Protein backbone atom coordinates (compact mmCIF):
# COMPACT_ATOMS: atom_id res chain seq x y z
CA UNK A 1 53.81 11.41 -55.92
CA UNK A 2 54.10 13.85 -59.26
CA UNK A 3 54.82 17.49 -58.93
CA UNK A 4 52.14 20.00 -60.27
CA UNK A 5 53.56 23.25 -61.67
CA UNK A 6 51.24 25.65 -63.42
CA UNK A 7 51.03 29.92 -64.22
CA UNK A 8 48.09 31.35 -62.34
CA UNK A 9 46.92 34.18 -64.59
CA UNK A 10 44.25 36.59 -64.20
CA UNK A 11 41.67 36.80 -61.15
CA UNK A 12 38.28 34.64 -61.51
CA UNK A 13 36.73 35.08 -58.59
CA UNK A 14 37.05 35.42 -54.76
CA UNK A 15 34.95 34.10 -51.61
CA UNK A 16 35.09 35.91 -48.16
CA UNK A 17 33.67 33.98 -45.05
CA UNK A 18 32.81 35.09 -41.83
CA UNK A 19 34.96 34.09 -38.81
CA UNK A 20 34.66 34.64 -35.21
CA UNK A 21 37.51 36.01 -33.11
CA UNK A 22 39.22 32.55 -32.68
CA UNK A 23 39.34 31.92 -36.53
CA UNK A 24 35.84 29.39 -36.58
CA UNK A 25 34.19 29.58 -39.69
CA UNK A 26 30.33 29.66 -39.18
CA UNK A 27 27.85 26.41 -38.23
CA UNK A 28 26.53 24.53 -41.01
CA UNK A 29 23.13 26.17 -42.62
CA UNK A 30 24.12 29.82 -41.12
CA UNK A 31 22.57 32.23 -42.83
CA UNK A 32 24.53 34.99 -45.11
CA UNK A 33 27.91 33.43 -43.99
CA UNK A 34 29.93 33.74 -47.00
CA UNK A 35 30.02 36.08 -50.40
CA UNK A 36 31.33 35.08 -53.87
CA UNK A 37 31.92 37.50 -56.40
CA UNK A 38 33.76 38.58 -59.35
CA UNK A 39 33.41 42.40 -58.58
CA UNK A 40 37.23 43.02 -58.10
CA UNK A 41 40.03 44.79 -59.96
CA UNK A 42 42.92 43.48 -57.83
CA UNK A 43 44.25 41.99 -54.77
CA UNK A 44 47.86 42.62 -53.60
CA UNK A 45 49.11 40.51 -50.57
CA UNK A 46 52.55 42.12 -49.24
CA UNK A 47 54.87 40.01 -47.01
CA UNK A 48 56.21 41.32 -43.57
CA UNK A 49 59.46 39.70 -42.59
CA UNK A 50 61.25 40.74 -38.79
CA UNK A 51 64.89 40.67 -39.40
CA UNK A 52 67.10 38.41 -37.34
CA UNK A 53 69.43 39.95 -34.92
CA UNK A 54 72.73 40.44 -35.66
CA UNK A 55 75.45 39.51 -33.28
CA UNK A 56 78.93 41.71 -34.52
CA UNK A 57 81.95 41.82 -31.87
CA UNK A 58 85.13 42.98 -32.15
CA UNK A 59 88.57 42.09 -30.21
CA UNK A 60 90.60 44.73 -28.86
CA UNK A 61 92.83 44.89 -32.34
CA UNK A 62 89.16 46.04 -33.82
CA UNK A 63 89.15 42.55 -35.37
CA UNK A 64 85.63 40.71 -36.05
CA UNK A 65 85.91 37.77 -33.67
CA UNK A 66 82.00 37.00 -33.71
CA UNK A 67 79.72 37.97 -36.68
CA UNK A 68 76.35 36.30 -36.59
CA UNK A 69 72.84 36.77 -38.02
CA UNK A 70 69.81 34.66 -36.88
CA UNK A 71 67.70 33.76 -39.38
CA UNK A 72 64.89 36.12 -40.79
CA UNK A 73 61.01 35.28 -39.29
CA UNK A 74 57.81 35.36 -41.37
CA UNK A 75 55.34 37.49 -39.55
CA UNK A 76 52.09 38.44 -42.06
CA UNK A 77 50.63 39.22 -45.21
CA UNK A 78 49.24 42.56 -45.76
CA UNK A 79 46.29 42.46 -47.73
CA UNK A 80 44.82 45.00 -50.02
CA UNK A 81 41.73 44.63 -52.48
CA UNK A 82 40.56 46.88 -55.27
CA UNK A 83 36.71 46.33 -55.77
CA UNK A 84 34.89 46.86 -59.04
CA UNK A 85 31.12 48.85 -57.87
CA UNK A 86 29.79 48.62 -54.31
CA UNK A 87 28.42 45.14 -52.80
CA UNK A 88 27.67 46.81 -49.18
CA UNK A 89 27.63 43.19 -47.92
CA UNK A 90 31.09 42.37 -48.76
CA UNK A 91 32.35 45.46 -47.49
CA UNK A 92 30.66 45.25 -44.30
CA UNK A 93 32.43 41.42 -43.66
CA UNK A 94 36.03 42.80 -44.90
CA UNK A 95 35.93 46.17 -43.46
CA UNK A 96 35.15 48.27 -40.40
CA UNK A 97 31.76 49.55 -42.37
CA UNK A 98 28.27 48.63 -40.47
CA UNK A 99 25.32 47.22 -42.53
CA UNK A 100 22.64 49.97 -43.45
CA UNK A 101 19.12 48.89 -44.27
CA UNK A 102 16.53 50.55 -46.07
CA UNK A 103 12.39 50.32 -45.10
CA UNK A 104 12.33 47.01 -46.81
CA UNK A 105 15.14 45.92 -44.41
CA UNK A 106 17.48 45.01 -47.39
CA UNK A 107 21.04 46.05 -47.15
CA UNK A 108 20.98 49.03 -49.30
CA UNK A 109 24.57 50.68 -48.01
CA UNK A 110 26.78 51.01 -45.24
CA UNK A 111 28.34 53.19 -42.70
CA UNK A 112 31.60 53.97 -41.42
CA UNK A 113 32.21 55.08 -37.82
CA UNK A 114 35.28 55.49 -35.74
CA UNK A 115 36.19 52.62 -33.37
CA UNK A 116 38.31 49.28 -33.24
CA UNK A 117 38.47 47.05 -36.30
CA UNK A 118 37.47 43.51 -35.30
CA UNK A 119 36.23 41.75 -38.49
CA UNK A 120 37.32 38.30 -38.95
CA UNK A 121 37.21 36.58 -42.14
CA UNK A 122 38.73 33.74 -44.48
CA UNK A 123 39.54 34.77 -48.02
CA UNK A 124 39.71 32.35 -51.44
CA UNK A 125 41.02 33.42 -54.31
CA UNK A 126 40.43 31.57 -57.82
CA UNK A 127 42.62 32.50 -61.04
CA UNK A 128 42.96 31.55 -64.47
CA UNK A 129 45.99 29.03 -65.31
CA UNK A 130 48.31 29.51 -68.43
CA UNK A 131 48.49 26.84 -71.03
CA UNK A 132 46.70 24.20 -69.06
CA UNK A 133 43.96 21.95 -70.32
CA UNK A 134 41.19 20.57 -67.82
CA UNK A 135 42.54 17.19 -66.19
CA UNK A 136 40.22 14.25 -67.37
CA UNK A 137 36.93 14.68 -65.68
CA UNK A 138 37.48 18.32 -64.38
CA UNK A 139 35.31 20.86 -65.05
CA UNK A 140 37.50 23.80 -64.57
CA UNK A 141 40.83 24.33 -64.22
CA UNK A 142 42.28 27.09 -61.56
CA UNK A 143 44.51 28.19 -59.40
CA UNK A 144 43.42 28.47 -55.92
CA UNK A 145 44.68 30.81 -53.09
CA UNK A 146 43.53 30.57 -49.27
CA UNK A 147 44.42 33.26 -46.84
CA UNK A 148 42.65 30.91 -43.78
CA UNK A 149 42.67 33.97 -41.21
CA UNK A 150 42.61 37.97 -41.96
CA UNK A 151 41.77 41.02 -40.07
CA UNK A 152 39.73 43.35 -41.18
CA UNK A 153 40.54 46.77 -42.63
CA UNK A 154 39.00 49.77 -43.49
CA UNK A 155 37.95 51.47 -46.76
CA UNK A 156 40.97 53.27 -48.38
CA UNK A 157 40.78 56.23 -50.44
CA UNK A 158 36.99 56.92 -52.59
CA UNK A 159 37.74 59.37 -55.36
CA UNK A 160 34.67 60.40 -57.06
CA UNK A 161 34.97 62.53 -59.89
CA UNK A 162 33.02 63.07 -63.42
CA UNK A 163 35.86 61.09 -65.96
CA UNK A 164 36.58 57.47 -63.93
CA UNK A 165 34.42 54.89 -62.59
CA UNK A 166 34.34 55.30 -58.31
CA UNK A 167 36.20 52.00 -56.40
CA UNK A 168 36.43 51.00 -53.11
CA UNK A 169 39.62 49.85 -52.03
CA UNK A 170 40.36 47.52 -48.28
CA UNK A 171 43.60 48.67 -46.77
CA UNK A 172 45.13 47.56 -43.65
CA UNK A 173 44.21 44.08 -43.40
CA UNK A 174 46.61 41.21 -42.53
CA UNK A 175 46.56 37.70 -42.06
CA UNK A 176 46.95 36.04 -38.47
CA UNK A 177 48.65 32.99 -37.15
CA UNK A 178 46.41 30.70 -35.45
CA UNK A 179 43.82 29.77 -38.00
CA UNK A 180 41.00 27.12 -37.21
CA UNK A 181 40.01 26.22 -40.73
CA UNK A 182 41.45 22.76 -41.10
CA UNK A 183 40.50 20.94 -43.77
CA UNK A 184 38.00 23.55 -44.56
CA UNK A 185 33.75 23.97 -44.77
CA UNK A 186 33.91 23.49 -48.51
CA UNK A 187 34.79 21.52 -51.56
CA UNK A 188 37.46 23.12 -53.43
CA UNK A 189 39.08 20.25 -55.53
CA UNK A 190 38.65 17.03 -56.87
CA UNK A 191 39.14 14.02 -54.64
CA UNK A 192 41.03 10.83 -56.23
CA UNK A 193 37.67 9.37 -58.06
CA UNK A 194 36.93 12.68 -59.16
CA UNK A 195 34.30 14.24 -57.01
CA UNK A 196 34.45 17.45 -55.41
CA UNK A 197 36.38 17.06 -52.13
CA UNK A 198 37.46 19.36 -49.14
CA UNK A 199 40.78 20.17 -48.33
CA UNK A 200 43.03 16.57 -48.10
CA UNK A 201 45.07 17.76 -45.65
CA UNK A 202 44.00 20.03 -42.56
CA UNK A 203 46.21 23.42 -42.22
CA UNK A 204 48.69 23.77 -39.45
CA UNK A 205 47.51 26.95 -37.22
CA UNK A 206 50.37 28.74 -38.37
CA UNK A 207 50.02 28.56 -41.83
CA UNK A 208 49.21 32.08 -43.84
CA UNK A 209 48.46 31.09 -47.09
CA UNK A 210 48.07 28.03 -49.51
CA UNK A 211 48.47 28.14 -53.21
CA UNK A 212 47.39 25.39 -55.37
CA UNK A 213 45.99 24.38 -58.89
CA UNK A 214 42.34 22.46 -58.47
CA UNK A 215 39.99 21.16 -61.46
CA UNK A 216 36.96 21.82 -59.46
CA UNK A 217 34.61 24.51 -61.01
CA UNK A 218 34.63 28.17 -58.76
CA UNK A 219 31.54 29.03 -56.90
CA UNK A 220 28.84 31.31 -58.56
CA UNK A 221 28.95 34.92 -58.09
CA UNK A 222 25.99 36.42 -56.35
CA UNK A 223 25.29 39.95 -54.78
CA UNK A 224 23.89 38.02 -51.66
CA UNK A 225 25.57 36.34 -48.84
CA UNK A 226 24.75 32.78 -48.68
CA UNK A 227 24.33 30.29 -45.99
CA UNK A 228 26.84 27.62 -44.92
CA UNK A 229 26.65 24.11 -46.51
CA UNK A 230 24.59 21.75 -44.93
CA UNK A 231 26.37 19.46 -42.30
CA UNK A 232 26.53 15.82 -44.01
CA UNK A 233 24.84 13.14 -42.38
CA UNK A 234 26.89 10.58 -40.60
CA UNK A 235 25.97 7.00 -42.01
CA UNK A 236 25.03 4.82 -39.84
CA UNK A 237 27.65 1.98 -38.10
CA UNK A 238 27.04 -1.21 -39.29
């Protein structure tokens, strides 16, 4: 068993996949289920930790007789994403925005109304790798980050002026426990024979983040959402 050491640099692409309230991804061939894009500026993850309880007791002389602190507990990552340009389909997958269609039935924009935010999605990010060549048979060399269960946020401040590009940001999103990602629906790395494969081991439901390297090429960027991968037919028993 060998350890892979790697240095992620620069974001390449992100992919957002719709999830239901239980963290399940869509069925095979479900339309408009995921979207991959390089139209982002930055991704910021901030960990939220619950401090362990301190137990301090002094004796009658004022000296400490009990001085203990329980372990801290990780709670979640808070997620902020700044997007470059406007992709209404992407914005409506990760925030409280809803799609707005034109006369042709195309998604031409989005609306934002008051109310609770119940969007759930999985978030994947590919990065470059510093000083690392492609492995034998690999198409690419990338860092790969997965947040398997994220609760959507809201649009952050929107500034429009005459000098700078208009950017949209996602704020208030956070990772959740209880993911149902398992090994996932996508091929994200190479198997032992150099072919594309899903994750080798299913994620624990309480996992909030996975970070690893991969030699599989990143998914293509597209403005339109894509259908889920088709189910692989089972081989008949002999």
